[in-house]
Amino acid sequence: MARTRISGMYAKDLTKAGVRKALDPTGRLRPYDVKSVVRKADTVAVSILLSSSDTVVDQCYRFTRPIVGVNGQTPVAAAPVSSC
């Protein structure tokens, strides 16, 4: 779900607050903790700590995408990382 939502975001909304709102619009679920949003040249990297009530250990993921997309959907690479 996170990859799809980040893929469809406008470049101006790729901020910590913007990503948080896209992932949890109601603010009630809280499984996502957006740790950072870093822009470098024409790419943005989003680090998210994913929490689950089913697991003891939370997992960090880094989502990377071009800032400017085509046709409303931008390809997003996602990978688990050891720390946020």
Protein backbone atom coordinates (compact mmCIF):
# COMPACT_ATOMS: atom_id res chain seq x y z
CA MET A 1 0.00 0.00 0.00
CA ALA A 2 2.77 2.47 0.87
CA ARG A 3 4.47 2.02 -2.51
CA THR A 4 1.20 2.68 -4.37
CA ARG A 5 0.36 5.79 -2.35
CA ILE A 6 3.86 7.28 -2.65
CA SER A 7 3.81 6.53 -6.38
CA GLY A 8 0.66 8.60 -6.89
CA MET A 9 1.75 11.64 -4.86
CA TYR A 10 2.41 15.05 -6.37
CA ALA A 11 6.05 16.19 -6.06
CA LYS A 12 5.08 19.14 -3.84
CA ASP A 13 3.43 16.75 -1.34
CA LEU A 14 6.56 14.62 -0.87
CA THR A 15 7.23 15.89 2.65
CA LYS A 16 7.07 14.09 6.00
CA ALA A 17 3.62 15.52 6.69
CA GLY A 18 2.43 14.85 3.13
CA VAL A 19 3.58 11.23 3.13
CA ARG A 20 2.11 10.67 6.61
CA LYS A 21 -1.25 12.01 5.42
CA ALA A 22 -1.16 9.88 2.25
CA LEU A 23 -0.44 6.72 4.25
CA ASP A 24 -2.88 7.38 7.09
CA PRO A 25 -5.46 9.98 5.97
CA THR A 26 -7.58 9.68 9.12
CA GLY A 27 -4.62 9.73 11.52
CA ARG A 28 -6.04 6.78 13.44
CA LEU A 29 -4.19 3.72 12.15
CA ARG A 30 -0.62 4.74 13.02
CA PRO A 31 1.19 1.70 11.59
CA TYR A 32 3.48 4.06 9.65
CA ASP A 33 6.07 6.36 11.21
CA VAL A 34 7.62 8.54 8.50
CA LYS A 35 11.20 9.01 9.70
CA SER A 36 12.63 11.10 6.86
CA VAL A 37 12.08 12.47 3.39
CA VAL A 38 15.29 13.39 1.57
CA ARG A 39 15.50 15.04 -1.84
CA LYS A 40 18.66 14.68 -3.91
CA ALA A 41 18.79 16.03 -7.44
CA ASP A 42 15.74 14.50 -9.16
CA THR A 43 15.07 11.72 -6.63
CA VAL A 44 13.33 11.53 -3.27
CA ALA A 45 13.92 8.86 -0.61
CA VAL A 46 11.32 8.21 2.09
CA SER A 47 12.22 6.19 5.20
CA ILE A 48 9.28 4.64 7.05
CA LEU A 49 9.16 2.53 10.20
CA LEU A 50 6.35 0.02 9.82
CA SER A 51 4.78 -1.27 13.03
CA SER A 52 2.55 -4.27 13.32
CA SER A 53 0.67 -5.68 16.25
CA ASP A 54 1.49 -9.16 14.89
CA THR A 55 5.27 -8.79 15.26
CA VAL A 56 7.61 -7.97 18.09
CA VAL A 57 10.11 -6.19 15.84
CA ASP A 58 9.22 -3.21 13.67
CA GLN A 59 10.75 -2.93 10.19
CA CYS A 60 12.21 0.06 8.39
CA TYR A 61 11.69 0.51 4.65
CA ARG A 62 13.18 2.98 2.20
CA PHE A 63 11.06 4.03 -0.77
CA THR A 64 12.85 5.78 -3.63
CA ARG A 65 11.23 7.50 -6.59
CA PRO A 66 11.87 10.24 -9.13
CA ILE A 67 10.44 13.57 -8.02
CA VAL A 68 8.63 14.14 -11.31
CA GLY A 69 6.40 11.37 -12.60
CA VAL A 70 4.57 10.60 -15.82
CA ASN A 71 0.80 10.11 -16.15
CA GLY A 72 0.12 10.39 -12.43
CA GLN A 73 2.01 7.23 -11.42
CA THR A 74 5.72 7.20 -10.73
CA PRO A 75 7.75 4.00 -10.31
CA VAL A 76 8.81 3.47 -6.70
CA ALA A 77 11.57 1.14 -5.49
CA ALA A 78 11.06 -0.26 -1.99
CA ALA A 79 13.58 -2.10 0.16
CA PRO A 80 13.81 -3.11 3.80
CA VAL A 81 16.70 -1.38 5.58
CA SER A 82 18.40 -2.06 8.92
CA SER A 83 17.71 1.39 10.35
CA CYS A 84 15.76 4.52 9.56
